[in-house]
Amino acid sequence: MQSADHWIETLDLSHHPEGGYFRETYRSKTSYEFRKSPVFSGNRAYATAIYYLLKGNECSRLHRIKSDELWLYHSGNPLTIYLFHDVGFMSSFTLDSGTGTFQGIVPANTWFGAKLESPSPDAYTLTSCVVSPGFDFSDFTLADRDSLTRKFPQYADLIKGLT
């Protein structure tokens, strides 16, 4: 198994504002034109894709976007994605070659974050994320720890660890 640093260098990954490392690998040349949408303003690519890597004790901090996001496992350790749904419950899925779970979906407008199942200095997970309509940083919001904890008090420790 390759190291996290190998993939960061080989794939030319940069730090992501939510944590971890990324590089956009695809942005469709055509786009939707949202004129009167209550969700989006302006144009959005039909789809975008990135490589995304978490290593060691890092996490993908809780955030949400306005589009569906498909996660695809490539290499490394098991990675759990935690989803906090507006209707008041939490769910998760774990990307893991050992169980054959190679993809999972995060529905639009769902708070979510991720961390390695067994963090260690040498651990990492390499994934890709596909977003449709395509990702735009104006659609990205980091979670407020206190607000999310009030809504999900039973998960206060998990929220603290992911914010």
Protein backbone atom coordinates (compact mmCIF):
# COMPACT_ATOMS: atom_id res chain seq x y z
CA MET A 1 0.00 0.00 0.00
CA GLN A 2 1.31 3.47 -0.91
CA SER A 3 1.61 6.25 1.67
CA ALA A 4 -0.57 9.34 1.98
CA ASP A 5 2.38 11.55 1.08
CA HIS A 6 2.97 9.49 -2.06
CA TRP A 7 -0.61 10.16 -3.24
CA ILE A 8 -0.51 13.84 -2.25
CA GLU A 9 2.61 14.32 -4.38
CA THR A 10 1.68 12.00 -7.26
CA LEU A 11 -1.84 13.41 -7.64
CA ASP A 12 -0.75 17.02 -6.94
CA LEU A 13 -3.25 17.45 -4.09
CA SER A 14 -3.68 20.70 -2.12
CA HIS A 15 -5.16 21.45 1.31
CA HIS A 16 -8.97 21.59 1.36
CA PRO A 17 -10.80 24.17 3.55
CA GLU A 18 -12.79 21.35 5.23
CA GLY A 19 -9.59 19.40 6.00
CA GLY A 20 -7.66 16.84 4.01
CA TYR A 21 -6.28 17.24 0.50
CA PHE A 22 -7.93 17.53 -2.92
CA ARG A 23 -7.61 18.34 -6.60
CA GLU A 24 -10.42 18.91 -9.05
CA THR A 25 -10.16 16.37 -11.86
CA TYR A 26 -13.32 17.09 -13.84
CA ARG A 27 -15.71 19.96 -14.51
CA SER A 28 -18.22 19.51 -17.33
CA LYS A 29 -17.86 22.02 -20.13
CA THR A 30 -21.60 22.51 -20.26
CA SER A 31 -23.70 23.86 -17.42
CA TYR A 32 -27.19 24.45 -16.10
CA GLU A 33 -28.41 28.02 -16.17
CA PHE A 34 -30.33 28.65 -12.95
CA ARG A 35 -32.42 31.78 -13.44
CA LYS A 36 -35.22 31.49 -10.90
CA SER A 37 -33.98 28.69 -8.66
CA PRO A 38 -34.56 28.96 -4.92
CA VAL A 39 -31.44 26.82 -4.41
CA PHE A 40 -28.78 27.94 -6.89
CA SER A 41 -27.87 31.32 -8.30
CA GLY A 42 -26.09 31.49 -11.62
CA ASN A 43 -24.69 28.64 -13.67
CA ARG A 44 -23.52 25.28 -12.34
CA ALA A 45 -21.57 22.66 -14.25
CA TYR A 46 -23.56 19.48 -14.88
CA ALA A 47 -21.02 17.66 -12.70
CA THR A 48 -17.61 18.02 -11.05
CA ALA A 49 -15.17 15.48 -9.59
CA ILE A 50 -12.22 15.65 -7.22
CA TYR A 51 -9.65 13.37 -5.68
CA TYR A 52 -9.93 13.66 -1.90
CA LEU A 53 -7.51 12.27 0.70
CA LEU A 54 -7.62 12.20 4.49
CA LYS A 55 -4.64 11.06 6.50
CA GLY A 56 -3.83 10.21 10.12
CA ASN A 57 -6.05 11.98 12.65
CA GLU A 58 -7.46 14.51 10.17
CA CYS A 59 -11.15 14.82 9.50
CA SER A 60 -13.42 16.27 6.89
CA ARG A 61 -15.10 18.93 9.03
CA LEU A 62 -18.87 18.99 9.10
CA HIS A 63 -20.24 20.96 6.18
CA ARG A 64 -22.97 20.87 3.60
CA ILE A 65 -23.36 21.66 -0.07
CA LYS A 66 -26.43 22.28 -2.21
CA SER A 67 -25.88 19.25 -4.49
CA ASP A 68 -25.78 15.49 -4.12
CA GLU A 69 -22.25 14.12 -3.58
CA LEU A 70 -21.16 10.61 -4.54
CA TRP A 71 -18.08 9.27 -2.68
CA LEU A 72 -15.94 6.61 -4.39
CA TYR A 73 -13.30 4.62 -2.50
CA HIS A 74 -9.90 4.05 -4.14
CA SER A 75 -7.27 3.08 -1.58
CA GLY A 76 -6.25 3.01 2.06
CA ASN A 77 -8.03 2.54 5.35
CA PRO A 78 -11.79 2.44 6.04
CA LEU A 79 -13.40 5.91 6.04
CA THR A 80 -16.72 6.69 7.72
CA ILE A 81 -18.90 9.52 6.45
CA TYR A 82 -21.37 10.84 9.05
CA LEU A 83 -24.60 12.46 7.87
CA PHE A 84 -26.79 14.72 10.03
CA HIS A 85 -30.21 14.94 8.38
CA ASP A 86 -32.43 18.01 8.84
CA VAL A 87 -35.31 15.76 9.90
CA GLY A 88 -33.41 15.01 13.12
CA PHE A 89 -31.46 11.78 12.72
CA MET A 90 -27.86 10.80 12.05
CA SER A 91 -26.69 8.05 9.71
CA SER A 92 -23.33 6.96 8.33
CA PHE A 93 -21.65 4.75 5.79
CA THR A 94 -18.12 3.38 5.75
CA LEU A 95 -16.08 3.10 2.58
CA ASP A 96 -13.99 -0.05 2.97
CA SER A 97 -12.45 -2.50 0.52
CA GLY A 98 -12.74 -5.23 3.17
CA THR A 99 -16.54 -5.07 3.14
CA GLY A 100 -16.82 -4.23 -0.56
CA THR A 101 -18.39 -0.83 0.12
CA PHE A 102 -16.81 1.28 -2.60
CA GLN A 103 -19.32 4.11 -2.87
CA GLY A 104 -21.88 6.07 -0.90
CA ILE A 105 -24.10 9.09 -1.42
CA VAL A 106 -24.58 12.28 0.59
CA PRO A 107 -27.90 13.92 -0.29
CA ALA A 108 -27.94 17.65 -1.04
CA ASN A 109 -28.17 20.00 1.97
CA THR A 110 -27.18 17.30 4.48
CA TRP A 111 -24.55 18.17 7.10
CA PHE A 112 -21.70 15.68 6.76
CA GLY A 113 -18.12 15.03 7.77
CA ALA A 114 -15.71 12.11 7.65
CA LYS A 115 -12.88 10.50 9.56
CA LEU A 116 -10.78 7.37 9.35
CA GLU A 117 -12.11 4.40 11.31
CA SER A 118 -8.71 3.62 12.86
CA PRO A 119 -6.61 6.78 12.77
CA SER A 120 -2.85 6.40 13.06
CA PRO A 121 0.10 8.42 11.74
CA ASP A 122 0.44 6.15 8.67
CA ALA A 123 -3.29 5.75 7.95
CA TYR A 124 -5.04 7.43 5.02
CA THR A 125 -7.97 7.04 2.66
CA LEU A 126 -8.01 8.11 -0.97
CA THR A 127 -11.42 8.73 -2.54
CA SER A 128 -13.05 10.63 -5.34
CA CYS A 129 -16.14 12.78 -4.92
CA VAL A 130 -18.56 13.53 -7.75
CA VAL A 131 -21.00 16.43 -7.31
CA SER A 132 -24.08 17.15 -9.44
CA PRO A 133 -25.01 19.88 -10.19
CA GLY A 134 -21.33 20.72 -10.08
CA PHE A 135 -19.58 22.04 -7.00
CA ASP A 136 -19.22 25.78 -6.44
CA PHE A 137 -17.67 27.21 -3.26
CA SER A 138 -20.64 29.59 -2.95
CA ASP A 139 -22.74 26.46 -2.20
CA PHE A 140 -20.37 25.31 0.60
CA THR A 141 -21.07 26.01 4.31
CA LEU A 142 -19.05 24.81 7.31
CA ALA A 143 -21.19 23.73 10.27
CA ASP A 144 -21.54 25.74 13.46
CA ARG A 145 -20.70 23.37 16.33
CA ASP A 146 -23.15 24.90 18.83
CA SER A 147 -26.12 24.96 16.43
CA LEU A 148 -25.60 21.37 15.34
CA THR A 149 -25.08 20.19 18.92
CA ARG A 150 -28.40 21.80 19.96
CA LYS A 151 -30.18 19.91 17.19
CA PHE A 152 -28.32 16.61 17.84
CA PRO A 153 -27.35 16.64 21.55
CA GLN A 154 -26.95 12.85 21.63
CA TYR A 155 -24.03 13.21 19.16
CA ALA A 156 -22.26 16.10 20.92
CA ASP A 157 -18.91 14.26 21.14
CA LEU A 158 -18.99 13.23 17.47
CA ILE A 159 -19.92 16.78 16.39
CA LYS A 160 -17.10 18.19 18.52
CA GLY A 161 -14.63 15.83 16.85
CA LEU A 162 -15.82 16.82 13.37
CA THR A 163 -15.91 20.62 13.77
